[in-house]
Amino acid sequence: MQRIGDETEGLIELLADCYDDPDLFNSAVLGRPAFWSNPEIGGQLEWARAIAEYRVVCCETGNSLGKDYLIGCLVAWWLWTRPDGLVIVTGPSQTVLGSVTWKEVRRAIDPERNELFRTFPEVFQADLSSGIKTSPQTVVLDHGWQALAYSTTS
């Protein structure tokens, strides 16, 4: 029987702590800048908390509010905190999904930008689709968990 090292045990505990906390996952696991917040009108932090708490969430948004940045973090959060996770993302075109949304997914889980991903490649190994117009855009983890992105026209 293989012993789990203290570092791996700590990672497992951290991922468990992140189950209902995408903001913690964003900062502690992905090492990315904090979500912005505006309790009066809602911001990335409020949207992320709502997604963790409710089955259906509607967010009123606008231009340049970091929706794709948030989605990149949330795709990774869901996949690495939910056994047998499946994420479906839709967008107006495959080009927008590939060049904007999936670009943020790639940034979120890029081992070059993330020390935890480099330290624990066996946990954070993921295959991503390439090409802006690839349909669907995908993230597939070794254990079969995946994220798929389809345009509303495909």
Protein backbone atom coordinates (compact mmCIF):
# COMPACT_ATOMS: atom_id res chain seq x y z
CA MET A 1 0.00 0.00 0.00
CA GLN A 2 1.39 3.40 -1.00
CA ARG A 3 1.51 6.06 1.71
CA ILE A 4 0.13 9.46 0.89
CA GLY A 5 2.72 12.13 1.68
CA ASP A 6 1.98 15.12 3.87
CA GLU A 7 2.05 17.42 0.84
CA THR A 8 -0.49 15.32 -1.03
CA GLU A 9 -2.67 15.07 2.08
CA GLY A 10 -2.53 18.85 2.41
CA LEU A 11 -3.56 19.26 -1.21
CA ILE A 12 -6.50 16.89 -0.75
CA GLU A 13 -7.61 18.89 2.31
CA LEU A 14 -7.24 22.17 0.40
CA LEU A 15 -9.36 20.89 -2.49
CA ALA A 16 -11.98 19.71 0.02
CA ASP A 17 -11.98 23.17 1.64
CA CYS A 18 -12.55 24.69 -1.81
CA TYR A 19 -15.65 22.59 -2.54
CA ASP A 20 -18.04 25.44 -1.68
CA ASP A 21 -15.52 28.26 -2.06
CA PRO A 22 -14.46 29.12 -5.62
CA ASP A 23 -12.76 32.27 -4.33
CA LEU A 24 -10.46 30.18 -2.12
CA PHE A 25 -9.75 27.87 -5.08
CA ASN A 26 -8.93 30.89 -7.25
CA SER A 27 -6.42 32.30 -4.78
CA ALA A 28 -4.99 29.21 -3.03
CA VAL A 29 -4.96 26.67 -5.88
CA LEU A 30 -4.80 28.75 -9.05
CA GLY A 31 -2.78 31.59 -7.48
CA ARG A 32 -4.68 34.15 -9.54
CA PRO A 33 -5.69 37.72 -8.66
CA ALA A 34 -8.71 38.01 -6.39
CA PHE A 35 -12.23 38.29 -7.74
CA TRP A 36 -13.54 41.83 -7.63
CA SER A 37 -16.54 42.53 -5.45
CA ASN A 38 -19.40 44.99 -5.26
CA PRO A 39 -22.03 43.85 -2.75
CA GLU A 40 -24.50 46.48 -3.97
CA ILE A 41 -24.63 45.48 -7.63
CA GLY A 42 -22.72 42.19 -7.68
CA GLY A 43 -19.28 41.35 -8.98
CA GLN A 44 -17.12 38.30 -9.68
CA LEU A 45 -17.03 37.36 -5.98
CA GLU A 46 -20.80 37.56 -5.58
CA TRP A 47 -21.38 35.64 -8.83
CA ALA A 48 -18.93 32.91 -7.80
CA ARG A 49 -20.55 32.56 -4.37
CA ALA A 50 -23.99 32.35 -5.96
CA ILE A 51 -22.82 29.60 -8.34
CA ALA A 52 -21.45 27.65 -5.37
CA GLU A 53 -24.69 28.06 -3.43
CA TYR A 54 -27.53 27.79 -5.97
CA ARG A 55 -28.49 25.42 -8.78
CA VAL A 56 -29.59 28.24 -11.11
CA VAL A 57 -27.90 31.66 -11.19
CA CYS A 58 -28.65 34.66 -13.39
CA CYS A 59 -26.20 37.55 -13.40
CA GLU A 60 -26.76 40.97 -14.89
CA THR A 61 -23.45 41.94 -16.45
CA GLY A 62 -21.87 44.33 -18.90
CA ASN A 63 -18.71 44.81 -20.94
CA SER A 64 -15.23 44.38 -19.43
CA LEU A 65 -16.37 42.98 -16.08
CA GLY A 66 -14.21 39.85 -16.17
CA LYS A 67 -16.85 37.26 -17.01
CA ASP A 68 -14.43 35.10 -19.00
CA TYR A 69 -11.74 35.39 -16.32
CA LEU A 70 -14.32 34.17 -13.81
CA ILE A 71 -15.48 31.35 -16.09
CA GLY A 72 -11.88 30.19 -16.56
CA CYS A 73 -11.49 29.93 -12.79
CA LEU A 74 -14.92 28.33 -12.27
CA VAL A 75 -14.33 25.63 -14.89
CA ALA A 76 -11.14 24.59 -13.10
CA TRP A 77 -12.79 24.88 -9.65
CA TRP A 78 -15.68 22.63 -10.65
CA LEU A 79 -13.50 19.99 -12.32
CA TRP A 80 -11.01 19.66 -9.45
CA THR A 81 -13.54 19.78 -6.61
CA ARG A 82 -16.32 17.56 -8.01
CA PRO A 83 -15.72 13.84 -8.60
CA ASP A 84 -16.97 12.87 -12.07
CA GLY A 85 -17.37 16.58 -12.85
CA LEU A 86 -18.86 17.76 -16.11
CA VAL A 87 -18.96 21.41 -17.15
CA ILE A 88 -20.90 22.66 -20.16
CA VAL A 89 -20.16 26.19 -21.39
CA THR A 90 -22.07 27.90 -24.19
CA GLY A 91 -21.26 31.04 -26.11
CA PRO A 92 -22.36 33.02 -29.16
CA SER A 93 -19.76 31.52 -31.51
CA GLN A 94 -17.04 28.88 -31.47
CA THR A 95 -14.52 31.62 -32.29
CA VAL A 96 -15.46 33.65 -29.19
CA LEU A 97 -15.37 30.53 -27.02
CA GLY A 98 -11.93 29.55 -28.36
CA SER A 99 -10.30 32.98 -28.44
CA VAL A 100 -11.77 34.55 -25.30
CA THR A 101 -13.40 32.12 -22.89
CA TRP A 102 -11.14 29.08 -23.41
CA LYS A 103 -8.09 31.38 -23.44
CA GLU A 104 -8.97 32.16 -19.80
CA VAL A 105 -9.45 28.45 -19.06
CA ARG A 106 -5.99 27.78 -20.52
CA ARG A 107 -4.47 30.57 -18.42
CA ALA A 108 -6.14 29.31 -15.26
CA ILE A 109 -4.70 25.81 -15.55
CA ASP A 110 -1.36 26.56 -17.21
CA PRO A 111 1.40 24.77 -15.25
CA GLU A 112 3.87 27.47 -16.34
CA ARG A 113 1.83 30.00 -14.34
CA ASN A 114 0.96 27.76 -11.39
CA GLU A 115 3.33 26.18 -8.90
CA LEU A 116 0.76 23.69 -7.52
CA PHE A 117 0.11 22.41 -11.04
CA ARG A 118 3.87 21.92 -11.54
CA THR A 119 4.33 20.31 -8.11
CA PHE A 120 1.41 17.86 -8.48
CA PRO A 121 1.21 17.04 -12.21
CA GLU A 122 -0.47 13.72 -11.42
CA VAL A 123 -3.40 15.63 -9.85
CA PHE A 124 -3.58 18.56 -12.24
CA GLN A 125 -2.89 16.84 -15.58
CA ALA A 126 -5.38 18.07 -18.17
CA ASP A 127 -5.66 17.86 -21.94
CA LEU A 128 -7.04 20.96 -23.62
CA SER A 129 -8.32 21.30 -27.13
CA SER A 130 -6.33 23.52 -29.42
CA GLY A 131 -7.51 25.85 -32.13
CA ILE A 132 -9.85 28.78 -31.83
CA LYS A 133 -12.66 27.18 -33.86
CA THR A 134 -12.39 23.66 -32.42
CA SER A 135 -15.86 22.34 -31.61
CA PRO A 136 -16.33 21.57 -28.87
CA GLN A 137 -13.57 23.25 -26.90
CA THR A 138 -12.55 20.73 -24.21
CA VAL A 139 -10.67 20.16 -20.99
CA VAL A 140 -10.31 16.48 -20.16
CA LEU A 141 -8.78 15.25 -16.92
CA ASP A 142 -7.10 11.83 -16.66
CA HIS A 143 -10.00 10.37 -14.73
CA GLY A 144 -12.54 11.28 -17.43
CA TRP A 145 -13.88 14.46 -15.85
CA GLN A 146 -14.34 17.12 -18.49
CA ALA A 147 -15.48 20.52 -19.59
CA LEU A 148 -17.04 21.11 -23.00
CA ALA A 149 -17.80 24.43 -24.72
CA TYR A 150 -20.26 24.69 -27.58
CA SER A 151 -21.46 27.70 -29.52
CA THR A 152 -25.17 28.35 -29.62
CA THR A 153 -24.98 27.77 -33.38
CA SER A 154 -23.45 24.28 -33.19
